[in-house]
Amino acid sequence: MSTVNWRDPRYLERGTPRQQSAFADIQALGVLTSLAEFDPVLVSTVNLDIDIPSSDLDIICEAHDLVAFEVRVLDLFGGLRGFRSRRSESCTAAVVVSFFHGEWEYEIFAQAIPVEQQRAFQHLVQTHRVVTRGGDRWRSALRFLKEQGLKTEPAVAHALRLKGDPYDAVLALENVADEALDAFLAVPPRVDLAS
């Protein structure tokens, strides 16, 4: 299985038309360069080609001073269409910023946690394992479930028949060896939402 350098989005240049569009918009906006001091990483479903037309570009950042981060993003992106900034205290304190640029909606999430330790990054890595090892059948199933209204992690958990909180269940895949994951993926994905 190939390893992706998630910090360098140039792999999107060689991808699907939507991946190429996302890369072009990210470059035109200069969002990753502008936020370099916060170690930004794109963790969107577009990375994995399981995005749907309403998918946004999710970027996570490490910011130990959330006030300084808010000031910086307001200065950089405050004039863009639909700009919003809010605090989230759902787990560790965070700032969530959203806005539109070109054809894309962006959501930037910052916490005082290194990006590799943030749940969104870990979810990306585990979902990448599923679609890489499972192939087109699994990629199509996840996209279908997302089109039915499920978020990514609930779609992965549903397709794999994982029990409990879907966000925790997807994280727990990091403890599943590749061979065991392959056994899960050998069974057709569950796409019936009634089951």
C-alpha atoms as a PDB file:
ATOM      1  CA  MET A   1       0.000   0.000   0.000  1.00  0.00           C
ATOM      2  CA  SER A   2       1.411   3.389  -0.927  1.00  0.00           C
ATOM      3  CA  THR A   3       1.961   6.014   1.705  1.00  0.00           C
ATOM      4  CA  VAL A   4       0.599   9.492   1.072  1.00  0.00           C
ATOM      5  CA  ASN A   5       2.309  12.620   2.339  1.00  0.00           C
ATOM      6  CA  TRP A   6      -0.856  14.367   3.533  1.00  0.00           C
ATOM      7  CA  ARG A   7       1.120  17.576   4.110  1.00  0.00           C
ATOM      8  CA  ASP A   8       1.797  17.971   0.388  1.00  0.00           C
ATOM      9  CA  PRO A   9      -1.464  18.130  -1.595  1.00  0.00           C
ATOM     10  CA  ARG A  10       0.273  17.880  -4.979  1.00  0.00           C
ATOM     11  CA  TYR A  11      -1.022  14.303  -5.281  1.00  0.00           C
ATOM     12  CA  LEU A  12      -4.405  15.925  -6.028  1.00  0.00           C
ATOM     13  CA  GLU A  13      -2.988  17.338  -9.281  1.00  0.00           C
ATOM     14  CA  ARG A  14      -2.969  13.838 -10.782  1.00  0.00           C
ATOM     15  CA  GLY A  15      -6.370  12.859  -9.409  1.00  0.00           C
ATOM     16  CA  THR A  16      -9.998  13.152 -10.415  1.00  0.00           C
ATOM     17  CA  PRO A  17     -11.378  16.366 -11.921  1.00  0.00           C
ATOM     18  CA  ARG A  18     -12.717  17.367  -8.464  1.00  0.00           C
ATOM     19  CA  GLN A  19      -9.345  16.675  -6.854  1.00  0.00           C
ATOM     20  CA  GLN A  20      -7.656  18.784  -9.523  1.00  0.00           C
ATOM     21  CA  SER A  21     -10.217  21.549  -8.958  1.00  0.00           C
ATOM     22  CA  ALA A  22      -9.607  21.433  -5.200  1.00  0.00           C
ATOM     23  CA  PHE A  23      -5.849  21.601  -5.683  1.00  0.00           C
ATOM     24  CA  ALA A  24      -6.137  24.549  -8.081  1.00  0.00           C
ATOM     25  CA  ASP A  25      -8.379  26.431  -5.646  1.00  0.00           C
ATOM     26  CA  ILE A  26      -6.111  25.707  -2.665  1.00  0.00           C
ATOM     27  CA  GLN A  27      -3.160  27.007  -4.669  1.00  0.00           C
ATOM     28  CA  ALA A  28      -5.029  30.087  -5.915  1.00  0.00           C
ATOM     29  CA  LEU A  29      -6.150  30.969  -2.395  1.00  0.00           C
ATOM     30  CA  GLY A  30      -2.730  30.189  -0.931  1.00  0.00           C
ATOM     31  CA  VAL A  31      -4.421  28.866   2.186  1.00  0.00           C
ATOM     32  CA  LEU A  32      -1.777  26.306   3.151  1.00  0.00           C
ATOM     33  CA  THR A  33       1.085  28.736   2.597  1.00  0.00           C
ATOM     34  CA  SER A  34      -0.714  31.534   4.462  1.00  0.00           C
ATOM     35  CA  LEU A  35      -1.328  29.275   7.452  1.00  0.00           C
ATOM     36  CA  ALA A  36       2.089  27.537   7.373  1.00  0.00           C
ATOM     37  CA  GLU A  37       2.912  28.599  10.955  1.00  0.00           C
ATOM     38  CA  PHE A  38      -0.087  26.504  12.104  1.00  0.00           C
ATOM     39  CA  ASP A  39       0.982  23.309  10.281  1.00  0.00           C
ATOM     40  CA  PRO A  40      -2.154  23.052   8.077  1.00  0.00           C
ATOM     41  CA  VAL A  41      -3.182  19.707   6.597  1.00  0.00           C
ATOM     42  CA  LEU A  42      -6.056  19.036   4.205  1.00  0.00           C
ATOM     43  CA  VAL A  43      -8.161  16.189   5.650  1.00  0.00           C
ATOM     44  CA  SER A  44     -11.156  16.289   3.333  1.00  0.00           C
ATOM     45  CA  THR A  45     -13.071  13.478   1.678  1.00  0.00           C
ATOM     46  CA  VAL A  46     -11.849  14.900  -1.635  1.00  0.00           C
ATOM     47  CA  ASN A  47      -8.405  13.537  -0.649  1.00  0.00           C
ATOM     48  CA  LEU A  48      -9.840  10.016  -0.862  1.00  0.00           C
ATOM     49  CA  ASP A  49     -12.193  10.440  -3.838  1.00  0.00           C
ATOM     50  CA  ILE A  50     -15.240   9.745  -1.664  1.00  0.00           C
ATOM     51  CA  ASP A  51     -16.500  13.313  -1.809  1.00  0.00           C
ATOM     52  CA  ILE A  52     -19.941  14.310  -3.000  1.00  0.00           C
ATOM     53  CA  PRO A  53     -20.980  17.642  -4.590  1.00  0.00           C
ATOM     54  CA  SER A  54     -21.700  19.223  -1.187  1.00  0.00           C
ATOM     55  CA  SER A  55     -18.332  18.195   0.313  1.00  0.00           C
ATOM     56  CA  ASP A  56     -16.092  20.962   1.596  1.00  0.00           C
ATOM     57  CA  LEU A  57     -12.341  21.288   1.967  1.00  0.00           C
ATOM     58  CA  ASP A  58     -11.468  20.548   5.590  1.00  0.00           C
ATOM     59  CA  ILE A  59      -8.138  21.825   6.863  1.00  0.00           C
ATOM     60  CA  ILE A  60      -6.830  21.178  10.362  1.00  0.00           C
ATOM     61  CA  CYS A  61      -4.252  23.304  12.131  1.00  0.00           C
ATOM     62  CA  GLU A  62      -2.242  23.324  15.340  1.00  0.00           C
ATOM     63  CA  ALA A  63      -2.738  26.617  17.196  1.00  0.00           C
ATOM     64  CA  HIS A  64      -1.746  27.076  20.824  1.00  0.00           C
ATOM     65  CA  ASP A  65      -3.023  30.656  20.894  1.00  0.00           C
ATOM     66  CA  LEU A  66      -6.557  30.455  19.531  1.00  0.00           C
ATOM     67  CA  VAL A  67      -7.070  34.216  19.766  1.00  0.00           C
ATOM     68  CA  ALA A  68      -4.003  34.840  17.592  1.00  0.00           C
ATOM     69  CA  PHE A  69      -5.251  32.188  15.175  1.00  0.00           C
ATOM     70  CA  GLU A  70      -8.673  33.873  14.941  1.00  0.00           C
ATOM     71  CA  VAL A  71      -7.032  37.233  14.274  1.00  0.00           C
ATOM     72  CA  ARG A  72      -4.849  35.701  11.565  1.00  0.00           C
ATOM     73  CA  VAL A  73      -7.693  33.947   9.714  1.00  0.00           C
ATOM     74  CA  LEU A  74      -9.907  37.023   9.985  1.00  0.00           C
ATOM     75  CA  ASP A  75      -7.113  39.076   8.420  1.00  0.00           C
ATOM     76  CA  LEU A  76      -6.546  36.505   5.662  1.00  0.00           C
ATOM     77  CA  PHE A  77     -10.062  35.344   4.843  1.00  0.00           C
ATOM     78  CA  GLY A  78     -12.512  37.662   6.620  1.00  0.00           C
ATOM     79  CA  GLY A  79     -13.520  39.331   3.366  1.00  0.00           C
ATOM     80  CA  LEU A  80     -14.490  36.098   1.648  1.00  0.00           C
ATOM     81  CA  ARG A  81     -18.079  35.067   1.037  1.00  0.00           C
ATOM     82  CA  GLY A  82     -19.812  33.423   3.988  1.00  0.00           C
ATOM     83  CA  PHE A  83     -16.936  33.950   6.424  1.00  0.00           C
ATOM     84  CA  ARG A  84     -17.795  32.660   9.914  1.00  0.00           C
ATOM     85  CA  SER A  85     -15.671  31.968  12.953  1.00  0.00           C
ATOM     86  CA  ARG A  86     -16.802  30.203  16.094  1.00  0.00           C
ATOM     87  CA  ARG A  87     -15.403  28.513  19.167  1.00  0.00           C
ATOM     88  CA  SER A  88     -16.015  24.843  19.825  1.00  0.00           C
ATOM     89  CA  GLU A  89     -15.653  23.356  23.277  1.00  0.00           C
ATOM     90  CA  SER A  90     -16.983  19.900  22.371  1.00  0.00           C
ATOM     91  CA  CYS A  91     -13.682  18.229  23.268  1.00  0.00           C
ATOM     92  CA  THR A  92     -10.525  20.319  23.409  1.00  0.00           C
ATOM     93  CA  ALA A  93     -11.062  24.042  22.825  1.00  0.00           C
ATOM     94  CA  ALA A  94     -10.987  24.805  19.118  1.00  0.00           C
ATOM     95  CA  VAL A  95     -11.692  27.492  16.545  1.00  0.00           C
ATOM     96  CA  VAL A  96     -13.734  26.590  13.477  1.00  0.00           C
ATOM     97  CA  VAL A  97     -13.648  28.965  10.501  1.00  0.00           C
ATOM     98  CA  SER A  98     -15.625  28.569   7.303  1.00  0.00           C
ATOM     99  CA  PHE A  99     -15.919  30.527   4.070  1.00  0.00           C
ATOM    100  CA  PHE A 100     -16.281  30.102   0.326  1.00  0.00           C
ATOM    101  CA  HIS A 101     -13.640  30.591  -2.350  1.00  0.00           C
ATOM    102  CA  GLY A 102     -14.182  29.721  -5.980  1.00  0.00           C
ATOM    103  CA  GLU A 103     -16.378  26.621  -6.217  1.00  0.00           C
ATOM    104  CA  TRP A 104     -15.388  25.364  -2.771  1.00  0.00           C
ATOM    105  CA  GLU A 105     -16.468  25.799   0.816  1.00  0.00           C
ATOM    106  CA  TYR A 106     -13.594  25.667   3.273  1.00  0.00           C
ATOM    107  CA  GLU A 107     -13.700  24.671   6.924  1.00  0.00           C
ATOM    108  CA  ILE A 108     -10.575  25.291   8.956  1.00  0.00           C
ATOM    109  CA  PHE A 109     -10.328  23.700  12.390  1.00  0.00           C
ATOM    110  CA  ALA A 110      -7.600  24.652  14.877  1.00  0.00           C
ATOM    111  CA  GLN A 111      -6.695  23.069  18.215  1.00  0.00           C
ATOM    112  CA  ALA A 112      -3.655  23.181  20.484  1.00  0.00           C
ATOM    113  CA  ILE A 113      -2.873  19.607  19.449  1.00  0.00           C
ATOM    114  CA  PRO A 114      -0.372  18.458  16.794  1.00  0.00           C
ATOM    115  CA  VAL A 115      -2.267  17.715  13.578  1.00  0.00           C
ATOM    116  CA  GLU A 116      -1.248  14.029  13.507  1.00  0.00           C
ATOM    117  CA  GLN A 117      -2.886  13.606  16.925  1.00  0.00           C
ATOM    118  CA  GLN A 118      -6.150  15.269  15.939  1.00  0.00           C
ATOM    119  CA  ARG A 119      -9.117  12.985  15.356  1.00  0.00           C
ATOM    120  CA  ALA A 120      -9.738  14.317  11.837  1.00  0.00           C
ATOM    121  CA  PHE A 121      -6.221  13.326  10.758  1.00  0.00           C
ATOM    122  CA  GLN A 122      -6.528   9.889  12.340  1.00  0.00           C
ATOM    123  CA  HIS A 123      -9.932   9.379  10.701  1.00  0.00           C
ATOM    124  CA  LEU A 124      -8.392  10.318   7.333  1.00  0.00           C
ATOM    125  CA  VAL A 125      -5.620   7.756   7.745  1.00  0.00           C
ATOM    126  CA  GLN A 126      -8.010   4.950   8.706  1.00  0.00           C
ATOM    127  CA  THR A 127     -10.536   5.791   5.981  1.00  0.00           C
ATOM    128  CA  HIS A 128      -7.644   5.849   3.502  1.00  0.00           C
ATOM    129  CA  ARG A 129      -6.777   2.299   4.597  1.00  0.00           C
ATOM    130  CA  VAL A 130     -10.372   1.216   3.956  1.00  0.00           C
ATOM    131  CA  VAL A 131     -10.644   2.701   0.464  1.00  0.00           C
ATOM    132  CA  THR A 132      -7.106   1.724  -0.546  1.00  0.00           C
ATOM    133  CA  ARG A 133      -7.424  -1.866   0.604  1.00  0.00           C
ATOM    134  CA  GLY A 134     -11.118  -2.183  -0.298  1.00  0.00           C
ATOM    135  CA  GLY A 135     -10.867  -0.624  -3.744  1.00  0.00           C
ATOM    136  CA  ASP A 136     -13.576   0.844  -5.939  1.00  0.00           C
ATOM    137  CA  ARG A 137     -16.396  -1.217  -4.414  1.00  0.00           C
ATOM    138  CA  TRP A 138     -15.746   0.310  -0.998  1.00  0.00           C
ATOM    139  CA  ARG A 139     -15.115   3.793  -2.387  1.00  0.00           C
ATOM    140  CA  SER A 140     -18.445   3.661  -4.239  1.00  0.00           C
ATOM    141  CA  ALA A 141     -20.276   2.340  -1.164  1.00  0.00           C
ATOM    142  CA  LEU A 142     -18.958   5.140   1.038  1.00  0.00           C
ATOM    143  CA  ARG A 143     -19.848   7.763  -1.551  1.00  0.00           C
ATOM    144  CA  PHE A 144     -23.364   6.274  -1.822  1.00  0.00           C
ATOM    145  CA  LEU A 145     -23.839   6.362   1.969  1.00  0.00           C
ATOM    146  CA  LYS A 146     -22.645   9.968   2.049  1.00  0.00           C
ATOM    147  CA  GLU A 147     -25.149  10.828  -0.696  1.00  0.00           C
ATOM    148  CA  GLN A 148     -27.833   9.351   1.584  1.00  0.00           C
ATOM    149  CA  GLY A 149     -26.873  11.897   4.256  1.00  0.00           C
ATOM    150  CA  LEU A 150     -24.309  10.099   6.414  1.00  0.00           C
ATOM    151  CA  LYS A 151     -21.124  11.866   7.467  1.00  0.00           C
ATOM    152  CA  THR A 152     -17.884  10.104   6.550  1.00  0.00           C
ATOM    153  CA  GLU A 153     -17.140   8.295   9.809  1.00  0.00           C
ATOM    154  CA  PRO A 154     -20.718   7.023  10.255  1.00  0.00           C
ATOM    155  CA  ALA A 155     -20.610   5.855   6.615  1.00  0.00           C
ATOM    156  CA  VAL A 156     -17.370   3.924   7.215  1.00  0.00           C
ATOM    157  CA  ALA A 157     -18.693   2.398  10.444  1.00  0.00           C
ATOM    158  CA  HIS A 158     -22.007   1.464   8.812  1.00  0.00           C
ATOM    159  CA  ALA A 159     -20.384  -0.101   5.744  1.00  0.00           C
ATOM    160  CA  LEU A 160     -17.995  -2.117   7.943  1.00  0.00           C
ATOM    161  CA  ARG A 161     -20.776  -3.057  10.397  1.00  0.00           C
ATOM    162  CA  LEU A 162     -18.836  -1.547  13.305  1.00  0.00           C
ATOM    163  CA  LYS A 163     -20.658  -1.188  16.614  1.00  0.00           C
ATOM    164  CA  GLY A 164     -20.777   1.761  19.004  1.00  0.00           C
ATOM    165  CA  ASP A 165     -19.876   5.377  18.387  1.00  0.00           C
ATOM    166  CA  PRO A 166     -18.848   5.565  14.711  1.00  0.00           C
ATOM    167  CA  TYR A 167     -16.111   8.144  15.348  1.00  0.00           C
ATOM    168  CA  ASP A 168     -14.496   5.969  18.016  1.00  0.00           C
ATOM    169  CA  ALA A 169     -15.023   2.838  15.904  1.00  0.00           C
ATOM    170  CA  VAL A 170     -13.153   4.334  12.942  1.00  0.00           C
ATOM    171  CA  LEU A 171     -10.318   5.429  15.248  1.00  0.00           C
ATOM    172  CA  ALA A 172     -10.143   1.892  16.646  1.00  0.00           C
ATOM    173  CA  LEU A 173      -9.263   0.601  13.169  1.00  0.00           C
ATOM    174  CA  GLU A 174      -5.695   1.718  13.864  1.00  0.00           C
ATOM    175  CA  ASN A 175      -5.503  -1.322  16.189  1.00  0.00           C
ATOM    176  CA  VAL A 176      -6.687  -3.684  13.438  1.00  0.00           C
ATOM    177  CA  ALA A 177      -3.929  -5.382  11.455  1.00  0.00           C
ATOM    178  CA  ASP A 178      -4.068  -5.118   7.674  1.00  0.00           C
ATOM    179  CA  GLU A 179      -4.874  -8.830   7.342  1.00  0.00           C
ATOM    180  CA  ALA A 180      -7.837  -8.531   9.718  1.00  0.00           C
ATOM    181  CA  LEU A 181      -9.037  -5.400   7.920  1.00  0.00           C
ATOM    182  CA  ASP A 182      -8.802  -7.284   4.618  1.00  0.00           C
ATOM    183  CA  ALA A 183     -11.107  -9.943   6.081  1.00  0.00           C
ATOM    184  CA  PHE A 184     -13.658  -7.219   6.939  1.00  0.00           C
ATOM    185  CA  LEU A 185     -13.323  -5.779   3.444  1.00  0.00           C
ATOM    186  CA  ALA A 186     -13.810  -9.167   1.765  1.00  0.00           C
ATOM    187  CA  VAL A 187     -17.458  -9.005   2.863  1.00  0.00           C
ATOM    188  CA  PRO A 188     -19.558  -6.662   0.694  1.00  0.00           C
ATOM    189  CA  PRO A 189     -20.073  -3.258   2.333  1.00  0.00           C
ATOM    190  CA  ARG A 190     -23.392  -2.680   4.060  1.00  0.00           C
ATOM    191  CA  VAL A 191     -25.227   0.076   2.193  1.00  0.00           C
ATOM    192  CA  ASP A 192     -28.807  -0.585   3.321  1.00  0.00           C
ATOM    193  CA  LEU A 193     -29.568   2.145   5.851  1.00  0.00           C
ATOM    194  CA  ALA A 194     -32.540   0.219   7.217  1.00  0.00           C
ATOM    195  CA  SER A 195     -30.331  -2.587   8.477  1.00  0.00           C
END
